Every structure is written in structure tokens, then in C-alpha cells.
Amino acid sequence: MIDYATYFASACFGAAFLMNMWKIATADAMSDRVLALDTMVINVIALLVLHGLMLSTEIYFEAALIIAMLGFVSTVAYARFMLRGNIIE
């Protein structure tokens, strides 16, 4: 039963990933693209965790943690760029 749930969740997060890619490609404002990119990072983390559950391995959980840290740093960098015009002072 858990196999069906993980397959269904993977399909849902995969569809959400594709919708975020569409929003990044067609958004008018820069802030919409940043929000879609941040949501896409969350979807990638969820897909990695689900894939790790399917294969019963721990390496995907570590990869998800690394991507989460990189996603946070990139979101902060985009926010600073949008507010101040530069990232590093």
C-alpha cells in the first residue's frame, strides 16, 4: 500500500514541478519567477525524499539536505538582489 502512496505522491510532485517550470518560463515579474523557483526547489526536495523511500537508501536524504541549503541561500541572494541591486556588499 505504501508503494502506491509513494508513486501517487511522486506523480503529484512531478506535476507540480512541471507547473513551476511553466511559471518560470511565462512569468512577467521577477518576483513571480523567484517564488516559482523557490517552490520548485521544495518540489525537488520532496521528490528526492520520496525516491529515497522507494529505494530504501539514505543517500537521497543527504542530497535533499544539501539542495535545501542551496535553495535557501539562492532565495536569500535573489531577495537581496531585488531589494538592493547587489548581492555582496
C-alpha atoms as a PDB file:
ATOM      1  CA  MET A   1       0.000   0.000   0.000  1.00  0.00           C
ATOM      2  CA  ILE A   2       2.851   2.367   0.777  1.00  0.00           C
ATOM      3  CA  ASP A   3       4.203   1.777  -2.725  1.00  0.00           C
ATOM      4  CA  TYR A   4       1.040   3.147  -4.287  1.00  0.00           C
ATOM      5  CA  ALA A   5       1.130   6.165  -1.988  1.00  0.00           C
ATOM      6  CA  THR A   6       4.735   6.972  -2.910  1.00  0.00           C
ATOM      7  CA  TYR A   7       4.003   6.584  -6.622  1.00  0.00           C
ATOM      8  CA  PHE A   8       0.969   8.851  -6.327  1.00  0.00           C
ATOM      9  CA  ALA A   9       2.924  11.449  -4.328  1.00  0.00           C
ATOM     10  CA  SER A  10       5.768  11.323  -6.859  1.00  0.00           C
ATOM     11  CA  ALA A  11       3.320  11.922  -9.700  1.00  0.00           C
ATOM     12  CA  CYS A  12       1.778  14.868  -7.848  1.00  0.00           C
ATOM     13  CA  PHE A  13       5.133  16.458  -7.050  1.00  0.00           C
ATOM     14  CA  GLY A  14       6.315  15.811 -10.618  1.00  0.00           C
ATOM     15  CA  ALA A  15       3.252  17.600 -11.978  1.00  0.00           C
ATOM     16  CA  ALA A  16       3.854  20.482  -9.576  1.00  0.00           C
ATOM     17  CA  PHE A  17       7.484  20.622 -10.747  1.00  0.00           C
ATOM     18  CA  LEU A  18       6.351  20.933 -14.363  1.00  0.00           C
ATOM     19  CA  MET A  19       3.850  23.653 -13.443  1.00  0.00           C
ATOM     20  CA  ASN A  20       6.620  25.599 -11.697  1.00  0.00           C
ATOM     21  CA  MET A  21       8.823  25.315 -14.764  1.00  0.00           C
ATOM     22  CA  TRP A  22       5.952  26.680 -16.849  1.00  0.00           C
ATOM     23  CA  LYS A  23       5.520  29.600 -14.442  1.00  0.00           C
ATOM     24  CA  ILE A  24       9.240  30.384 -14.569  1.00  0.00           C
ATOM     25  CA  ALA A  25       9.126  30.442 -18.363  1.00  0.00           C
ATOM     26  CA  THR A  26       5.987  32.577 -18.676  1.00  0.00           C
ATOM     27  CA  ALA A  27       6.004  34.885 -15.631  1.00  0.00           C
ATOM     28  CA  ASP A  28       6.049  38.620 -16.208  1.00  0.00           C
ATOM     29  CA  ALA A  29       7.538  39.814 -12.933  1.00  0.00           C
ATOM     30  CA  MET A  30      10.889  38.812 -11.473  1.00  0.00           C
ATOM     31  CA  SER A  31       9.292  38.173  -8.078  1.00  0.00           C
ATOM     32  CA  ASP A  32       6.942  35.580  -9.604  1.00  0.00           C
ATOM     33  CA  ARG A  33       9.904  33.765 -11.091  1.00  0.00           C
ATOM     34  CA  VAL A  34      11.770  33.762  -7.770  1.00  0.00           C
ATOM     35  CA  LEU A  35       8.738  32.356  -5.946  1.00  0.00           C
ATOM     36  CA  ALA A  36       8.278  29.680  -8.606  1.00  0.00           C
ATOM     37  CA  LEU A  37      11.962  28.769  -8.375  1.00  0.00           C
ATOM     38  CA  ASP A  38      11.762  28.508  -4.594  1.00  0.00           C
ATOM     39  CA  THR A  39       8.687  26.290  -4.859  1.00  0.00           C
ATOM     40  CA  MET A  40      10.467  24.182  -7.462  1.00  0.00           C
ATOM     41  CA  VAL A  41      13.325  23.604  -5.016  1.00  0.00           C
ATOM     42  CA  ILE A  42      10.800  22.369  -2.443  1.00  0.00           C
ATOM     43  CA  ASN A  43       9.329  20.001  -5.043  1.00  0.00           C
ATOM     44  CA  VAL A  44      12.788  18.644  -5.875  1.00  0.00           C
ATOM     45  CA  ILE A  45      13.441  18.017  -2.188  1.00  0.00           C
ATOM     46  CA  ALA A  46      10.147  16.143  -1.886  1.00  0.00           C
ATOM     47  CA  LEU A  47      10.930  14.062  -4.984  1.00  0.00           C
ATOM     48  CA  LEU A  48      14.350  13.152  -3.618  1.00  0.00           C
ATOM     49  CA  VAL A  49      12.906  12.087  -0.279  1.00  0.00           C
ATOM     50  CA  LEU A  50      10.228  10.006  -1.984  1.00  0.00           C
ATOM     51  CA  HIS A  51      12.815   8.381  -4.236  1.00  0.00           C
ATOM     52  CA  GLY A  52      14.916   7.579  -1.171  1.00  0.00           C
ATOM     53  CA  LEU A  53      11.884   5.969   0.439  1.00  0.00           C
ATOM     54  CA  MET A  54      11.211   3.891  -2.667  1.00  0.00           C
ATOM     55  CA  LEU A  55      14.778   2.608  -2.875  1.00  0.00           C
ATOM     56  CA  SER A  56      15.335   2.343   0.912  1.00  0.00           C
ATOM     57  CA  THR A  57      18.628   4.207   0.795  1.00  0.00           C
ATOM     58  CA  GLU A  58      19.891   7.164   2.806  1.00  0.00           C
ATOM     59  CA  ILE A  59      21.962   8.975   0.191  1.00  0.00           C
ATOM     60  CA  TYR A  60      18.937  10.752  -1.251  1.00  0.00           C
ATOM     61  CA  PHE A  61      18.100  12.243   2.141  1.00  0.00           C
ATOM     62  CA  GLU A  62      21.570  13.768   2.353  1.00  0.00           C
ATOM     63  CA  ALA A  63      21.213  15.127  -1.171  1.00  0.00           C
ATOM     64  CA  ALA A  64      17.863  16.625  -0.175  1.00  0.00           C
ATOM     65  CA  LEU A  65      19.514  18.410   2.764  1.00  0.00           C
ATOM     66  CA  ILE A  66      22.220  19.851   0.509  1.00  0.00           C
ATOM     67  CA  ILE A  67      19.655  21.056  -2.027  1.00  0.00           C
ATOM     68  CA  ALA A  68      17.608  22.591   0.799  1.00  0.00           C
ATOM     69  CA  MET A  69      20.634  24.592   1.959  1.00  0.00           C
ATOM     70  CA  LEU A  70      21.419  25.718  -1.575  1.00  0.00           C
ATOM     71  CA  GLY A  71      17.771  26.657  -2.153  1.00  0.00           C
ATOM     72  CA  PHE A  72      17.726  28.797   0.977  1.00  0.00           C
ATOM     73  CA  VAL A  73      20.938  30.598   0.048  1.00  0.00           C
ATOM     74  CA  SER A  74      19.751  31.238  -3.503  1.00  0.00           C
ATOM     75  CA  THR A  75      16.410  32.608  -2.279  1.00  0.00           C
ATOM     76  CA  VAL A  76      18.195  34.986   0.090  1.00  0.00           C
ATOM     77  CA  ALA A  77      20.556  36.058  -2.695  1.00  0.00           C
ATOM     78  CA  TYR A  78      17.643  36.757  -5.074  1.00  0.00           C
ATOM     79  CA  ALA A  79      15.821  38.711  -2.376  1.00  0.00           C
ATOM     80  CA  ARG A  80      18.887  40.844  -1.654  1.00  0.00           C
ATOM     81  CA  PHE A  81      19.395  41.437  -5.353  1.00  0.00           C
ATOM     82  CA  MET A  82      15.787  42.538  -5.796  1.00  0.00           C
ATOM     83  CA  LEU A  83      15.900  44.857  -2.775  1.00  0.00           C
ATOM     84  CA  ARG A  84      19.373  46.386  -3.104  1.00  0.00           C
ATOM     85  CA  GLY A  85      20.581  45.706  -6.614  1.00  0.00           C
ATOM     86  CA  ASN A  86      23.677  43.830  -5.469  1.00  0.00           C
ATOM     87  CA  ILE A  87      24.308  40.662  -3.533  1.00  0.00           C
ATOM     88  CA  ILE A  88      27.689  41.187  -1.910  1.00  0.00           C
ATOM     89  CA  GLU A  89      28.465  44.481  -0.258  1.00  0.00           C
END
